[in-house]
């Protein structure tokens, strides 16, 4: 009986860890091979738009609008507390704040500068001073930088249900 209980515990541990991240190998047209590490829901790399195209979509939206989409961007910053959000560069000067649906998954904290493919809902919101300060603190900003946040601002947000990280 004791052996059976140990087997059940081991199977449950294996099953609960399964599906958190998976890898798939992709070959681009120029014969460059890289791996995609999947977080959250499994998504495919095809059909994503560029960060610049995503920026055009955002500029066509008003506060509280949402749209389902998939786009490719470079990670600018990741929450250093636990990887619970990231900022991605859209067109060089603009960025989007990406949060993860129902906090169902987190990203590695050391992926700044890497390319990701993100699937989910894009939205435009007005972020409060309090929320801006909270995210600045999570991002490791100095107290002086945090103190300079004094006004709400229009931001581009994204709730991701799946992310592919290019390695």
C-alpha atoms as a PDB file:
ATOM      1  CA  UNK A   1       0.000   0.000   0.000  1.00  0.00           C
ATOM      2  CA  UNK A   2       2.850   2.358   0.856  1.00  0.00           C
ATOM      3  CA  UNK A   3       4.414   1.778  -2.583  1.00  0.00           C
ATOM      4  CA  UNK A   4       1.094   2.531  -4.270  1.00  0.00           C
ATOM      5  CA  UNK A   5       0.773   5.835  -2.378  1.00  0.00           C
ATOM      6  CA  UNK A   6       4.295   6.845  -3.411  1.00  0.00           C
ATOM      7  CA  UNK A   7       3.497   6.012  -7.027  1.00  0.00           C
ATOM      8  CA  UNK A   8       0.310   8.108  -6.923  1.00  0.00           C
ATOM      9  CA  UNK A   9       2.200  11.078  -5.430  1.00  0.00           C
ATOM     10  CA  UNK A  10       4.912  10.848  -8.083  1.00  0.00           C
ATOM     11  CA  UNK A  11       2.335  10.662 -10.878  1.00  0.00           C
ATOM     12  CA  UNK A  12       0.473  13.680  -9.498  1.00  0.00           C
ATOM     13  CA  UNK A  13       3.719  15.667  -9.268  1.00  0.00           C
ATOM     14  CA  UNK A  14       4.619  14.783 -12.863  1.00  0.00           C
ATOM     15  CA  UNK A  15       1.135  15.622 -14.119  1.00  0.00           C
ATOM     16  CA  UNK A  16       1.014  19.006 -12.308  1.00  0.00           C
ATOM     17  CA  UNK A  17       4.358  20.109 -13.785  1.00  0.00           C
ATOM     18  CA  UNK A  18       3.436  19.046 -17.310  1.00  0.00           C
ATOM     19  CA  UNK A  19       2.418  21.749 -19.802  1.00  0.00           C
ATOM     20  CA  UNK A  20       4.003  24.759 -18.090  1.00  0.00           C
ATOM     21  CA  UNK A  21       6.473  25.270 -20.885  1.00  0.00           C
ATOM     22  CA  UNK A  22       7.143  23.319 -24.034  1.00  0.00           C
ATOM     23  CA  UNK A  23       9.676  23.680 -26.811  1.00  0.00           C
ATOM     24  CA  UNK A  24       9.330  23.467 -30.529  1.00  0.00           C
ATOM     25  CA  UNK A  25      12.009  23.928 -33.163  1.00  0.00           C
ATOM     26  CA  UNK A  26      11.370  26.374 -35.995  1.00  0.00           C
ATOM     27  CA  UNK A  27      13.378  26.885 -39.154  1.00  0.00           C
ATOM     28  CA  UNK A  28      13.129  30.309 -40.797  1.00  0.00           C
ATOM     29  CA  UNK A  29      13.497  30.961 -44.515  1.00  0.00           C
ATOM     30  CA  UNK A  30      17.204  31.813 -44.152  1.00  0.00           C
ATOM     31  CA  UNK A  31      17.847  28.367 -42.606  1.00  0.00           C
ATOM     32  CA  UNK A  32      18.259  29.846 -39.136  1.00  0.00           C
ATOM     33  CA  UNK A  33      17.008  27.344 -36.598  1.00  0.00           C
ATOM     34  CA  UNK A  34      15.820  28.399 -33.168  1.00  0.00           C
ATOM     35  CA  UNK A  35      13.626  27.016 -30.423  1.00  0.00           C
ATOM     36  CA  UNK A  36      10.356  28.465 -29.241  1.00  0.00           C
ATOM     37  CA  UNK A  37       9.556  28.000 -25.575  1.00  0.00           C
ATOM     38  CA  UNK A  38       5.825  28.104 -24.918  1.00  0.00           C
ATOM     39  CA  UNK A  39       4.195  29.664 -21.852  1.00  0.00           C
ATOM     40  CA  UNK A  40       0.467  29.566 -21.086  1.00  0.00           C
ATOM     41  CA  UNK A  41      -1.855  28.247 -23.791  1.00  0.00           C
ATOM     42  CA  UNK A  42      -0.175  26.573 -26.724  1.00  0.00           C
ATOM     43  CA  UNK A  43      -0.113  28.908 -29.704  1.00  0.00           C
ATOM     44  CA  UNK A  44       1.407  28.704 -33.174  1.00  0.00           C
ATOM     45  CA  UNK A  45       4.045  31.111 -34.450  1.00  0.00           C
ATOM     46  CA  UNK A  46       2.331  31.700 -37.782  1.00  0.00           C
ATOM     47  CA  UNK A  47      -0.118  34.510 -38.369  1.00  0.00           C
ATOM     48  CA  UNK A  48       1.455  37.051 -36.032  1.00  0.00           C
ATOM     49  CA  UNK A  49       1.758  40.684 -37.047  1.00  0.00           C
ATOM     50  CA  UNK A  50       4.766  42.942 -36.410  1.00  0.00           C
ATOM     51  CA  UNK A  51       5.091  45.386 -33.529  1.00  0.00           C
ATOM     52  CA  UNK A  52       4.667  48.276 -35.977  1.00  0.00           C
ATOM     53  CA  UNK A  53       1.391  46.820 -37.299  1.00  0.00           C
ATOM     54  CA  UNK A  54       0.259  46.335 -33.694  1.00  0.00           C
ATOM     55  CA  UNK A  55       1.060  49.991 -32.987  1.00  0.00           C
ATOM     56  CA  UNK A  56      -1.192  51.019 -35.883  1.00  0.00           C
ATOM     57  CA  UNK A  57      -3.992  48.906 -34.392  1.00  0.00           C
ATOM     58  CA  UNK A  58      -3.506  50.574 -30.991  1.00  0.00           C
ATOM     59  CA  UNK A  59      -3.679  54.061 -32.531  1.00  0.00           C
ATOM     60  CA  UNK A  60      -7.039  53.145 -34.085  1.00  0.00           C
ATOM     61  CA  UNK A  61      -8.455  52.195 -30.675  1.00  0.00           C
ATOM     62  CA  UNK A  62     -10.059  54.279 -27.919  1.00  0.00           C
ATOM     63  CA  UNK A  63      -9.871  53.791 -24.156  1.00  0.00           C
ATOM     64  CA  UNK A  64     -11.752  50.578 -23.199  1.00  0.00           C
ATOM     65  CA  UNK A  65     -11.610  49.103 -26.749  1.00  0.00           C
ATOM     66  CA  UNK A  66     -10.269  45.549 -27.084  1.00  0.00           C
ATOM     67  CA  UNK A  67      -9.218  43.341 -29.969  1.00  0.00           C
ATOM     68  CA  UNK A  68      -8.036  39.737 -30.208  1.00  0.00           C
ATOM     69  CA  UNK A  69      -4.644  39.501 -31.942  1.00  0.00           C
ATOM     70  CA  UNK A  70      -1.200  37.912 -32.097  1.00  0.00           C
ATOM     71  CA  UNK A  71       1.982  39.930 -32.596  1.00  0.00           C
ATOM     72  CA  UNK A  72       5.757  39.695 -32.449  1.00  0.00           C
ATOM     73  CA  UNK A  73       7.823  42.123 -30.373  1.00  0.00           C
ATOM     74  CA  UNK A  74      11.046  42.483 -28.397  1.00  0.00           C
ATOM     75  CA  UNK A  75      10.892  42.380 -24.595  1.00  0.00           C
ATOM     76  CA  UNK A  76      11.991  45.641 -22.989  1.00  0.00           C
ATOM     77  CA  UNK A  77      11.450  44.815 -19.332  1.00  0.00           C
ATOM     78  CA  UNK A  78      10.103  42.019 -17.099  1.00  0.00           C
ATOM     79  CA  UNK A  79       8.717  42.144 -13.561  1.00  0.00           C
ATOM     80  CA  UNK A  80      11.681  41.381 -11.325  1.00  0.00           C
ATOM     81  CA  UNK A  81       9.465  40.252  -8.441  1.00  0.00           C
ATOM     82  CA  UNK A  82       8.193  37.079 -10.158  1.00  0.00           C
ATOM     83  CA  UNK A  83       7.859  37.601 -13.932  1.00  0.00           C
ATOM     84  CA  UNK A  84       4.159  38.488 -13.675  1.00  0.00           C
ATOM     85  CA  UNK A  85       4.238  41.164 -16.430  1.00  0.00           C
ATOM     86  CA  UNK A  86       6.489  42.402 -19.208  1.00  0.00           C
ATOM     87  CA  UNK A  87       6.823  45.466 -21.395  1.00  0.00           C
ATOM     88  CA  UNK A  88       7.414  44.991 -25.121  1.00  0.00           C
ATOM     89  CA  UNK A  89       8.641  47.467 -27.732  1.00  0.00           C
ATOM     90  CA  UNK A  90       6.135  48.089 -30.518  1.00  0.00           C
ATOM     91  CA  UNK A  91       7.810  50.517 -32.914  1.00  0.00           C
ATOM     92  CA  UNK A  92      10.943  51.841 -31.227  1.00  0.00           C
ATOM     93  CA  UNK A  93       9.399  54.572 -29.093  1.00  0.00           C
ATOM     94  CA  UNK A  94       6.073  53.037 -28.008  1.00  0.00           C
ATOM     95  CA  UNK A  95       5.578  50.051 -25.736  1.00  0.00           C
ATOM     96  CA  UNK A  96       2.797  47.812 -24.477  1.00  0.00           C
ATOM     97  CA  UNK A  97       2.348  46.409 -20.979  1.00  0.00           C
ATOM     98  CA  UNK A  98       1.651  42.674 -21.155  1.00  0.00           C
ATOM     99  CA  UNK A  99      -0.043  40.869 -18.283  1.00  0.00           C
ATOM    100  CA  UNK A 100      -0.903  37.189 -18.224  1.00  0.00           C
ATOM    101  CA  UNK A 101      -4.460  35.898 -18.171  1.00  0.00           C
ATOM    102  CA  UNK A 102      -5.601  35.004 -14.650  1.00  0.00           C
ATOM    103  CA  UNK A 103      -1.923  35.019 -13.549  1.00  0.00           C
ATOM    104  CA  UNK A 104      -1.902  31.527 -15.059  1.00  0.00           C
ATOM    105  CA  UNK A 105       1.768  31.693 -16.022  1.00  0.00           C
ATOM    106  CA  UNK A 106       4.850  33.855 -15.564  1.00  0.00           C
ATOM    107  CA  UNK A 107       7.815  34.709 -17.762  1.00  0.00           C
ATOM    108  CA  UNK A 108      11.511  34.295 -16.927  1.00  0.00           C
ATOM    109  CA  UNK A 109      12.950  37.483 -15.421  1.00  0.00           C
ATOM    110  CA  UNK A 110      16.039  37.529 -17.676  1.00  0.00           C
ATOM    111  CA  UNK A 111      14.487  37.808 -21.162  1.00  0.00           C
ATOM    112  CA  UNK A 112      14.919  41.545 -21.854  1.00  0.00           C
ATOM    113  CA  UNK A 113      16.060  41.944 -25.467  1.00  0.00           C
ATOM    114  CA  UNK A 114      14.566  38.633 -26.627  1.00  0.00           C
ATOM    115  CA  UNK A 115      11.803  38.292 -29.196  1.00  0.00           C
ATOM    116  CA  UNK A 116       8.388  36.942 -28.226  1.00  0.00           C
ATOM    117  CA  UNK A 117       5.154  36.109 -30.012  1.00  0.00           C
ATOM    118  CA  UNK A 118       2.167  37.081 -27.875  1.00  0.00           C
ATOM    119  CA  UNK A 119      -1.446  35.967 -28.314  1.00  0.00           C
ATOM    120  CA  UNK A 120      -4.439  37.480 -26.538  1.00  0.00           C
ATOM    121  CA  UNK A 121      -6.460  40.683 -26.145  1.00  0.00           C
ATOM    122  CA  UNK A 122      -5.050  44.141 -26.843  1.00  0.00           C
ATOM    123  CA  UNK A 123      -6.665  47.114 -25.110  1.00  0.00           C
ATOM    124  CA  UNK A 124      -6.154  50.800 -24.410  1.00  0.00           C
ATOM    125  CA  UNK A 125      -6.512  52.038 -20.847  1.00  0.00           C
ATOM    126  CA  UNK A 126      -5.764  55.013 -18.683  1.00  0.00           C
ATOM    127  CA  UNK A 127      -3.359  53.833 -15.997  1.00  0.00           C
ATOM    128  CA  UNK A 128      -3.608  55.471 -12.578  1.00  0.00           C
ATOM    129  CA  UNK A 129      -0.623  57.022 -10.802  1.00  0.00           C
ATOM    130  CA  UNK A 130      -0.853  54.291  -8.162  1.00  0.00           C
ATOM    131  CA  UNK A 131      -0.671  51.490 -10.761  1.00  0.00           C
ATOM    132  CA  UNK A 132       2.209  53.189 -12.586  1.00  0.00           C
ATOM    133  CA  UNK A 133       4.159  53.429  -9.318  1.00  0.00           C
ATOM    134  CA  UNK A 134       3.406  49.779  -8.493  1.00  0.00           C
ATOM    135  CA  UNK A 135       4.730  48.577 -11.860  1.00  0.00           C
ATOM    136  CA  UNK A 136       7.756  50.881 -11.619  1.00  0.00           C
ATOM    137  CA  UNK A 137       8.570  49.380  -8.217  1.00  0.00           C
ATOM    138  CA  UNK A 138       8.177  45.816  -9.566  1.00  0.00           C
ATOM    139  CA  UNK A 139      10.447  46.771 -12.464  1.00  0.00           C
ATOM    140  CA  UNK A 140      13.218  47.821 -10.083  1.00  0.00           C
ATOM    141  CA  UNK A 141      13.015  51.586 -10.713  1.00  0.00           C
ATOM    142  CA  UNK A 142      14.671  53.962  -8.242  1.00  0.00           C
ATOM    143  CA  UNK A 143      12.683  55.926  -5.660  1.00  0.00           C
ATOM    144  CA  UNK A 144      13.431  59.140  -7.596  1.00  0.00           C
ATOM    145  CA  UNK A 145      11.990  57.669 -10.813  1.00  0.00           C
ATOM    146  CA  UNK A 146       8.904  56.459  -8.952  1.00  0.00           C
ATOM    147  CA  UNK A 147       8.422  59.890  -7.292  1.00  0.00           C
ATOM    148  CA  UNK A 148       8.349  61.556 -10.754  1.00  0.00           C
ATOM    149  CA  UNK A 149       5.143  59.696 -11.619  1.00  0.00           C
ATOM    150  CA  UNK A 150       2.413  62.236 -10.924  1.00  0.00           C
ATOM    151  CA  UNK A 151      -0.255  61.932 -13.658  1.00  0.00           C
ATOM    152  CA  UNK A 152      -2.404  59.164 -15.095  1.00  0.00           C
ATOM    153  CA  UNK A 153      -1.435  58.215 -18.633  1.00  0.00           C
ATOM    154  CA  UNK A 154      -2.962  56.486 -21.635  1.00  0.00           C
ATOM    155  CA  UNK A 155      -1.282  53.111 -22.053  1.00  0.00           C
ATOM    156  CA  UNK A 156      -1.392  50.196 -24.424  1.00  0.00           C
ATOM    157  CA  UNK A 157      -2.154  46.984 -22.581  1.00  0.00           C
ATOM    158  CA  UNK A 158      -2.305  43.351 -23.518  1.00  0.00           C
ATOM    159  CA  UNK A 159      -3.724  40.330 -21.705  1.00  0.00           C
ATOM    160  CA  UNK A 160      -1.795  37.350 -23.034  1.00  0.00           C
ATOM    161  CA  UNK A 161      -3.174  33.826 -22.928  1.00  0.00           C
ATOM    162  CA  UNK A 162      -0.094  32.374 -24.618  1.00  0.00           C
ATOM    163  CA  UNK A 163       3.480  33.444 -25.322  1.00  0.00           C
ATOM    164  CA  UNK A 164       6.236  31.947 -27.454  1.00  0.00           C
ATOM    165  CA  UNK A 165       9.790  32.940 -26.485  1.00  0.00           C
ATOM    166  CA  UNK A 166      12.463  32.672 -29.187  1.00  0.00           C
ATOM    167  CA  UNK A 167      15.699  31.164 -27.858  1.00  0.00           C
END
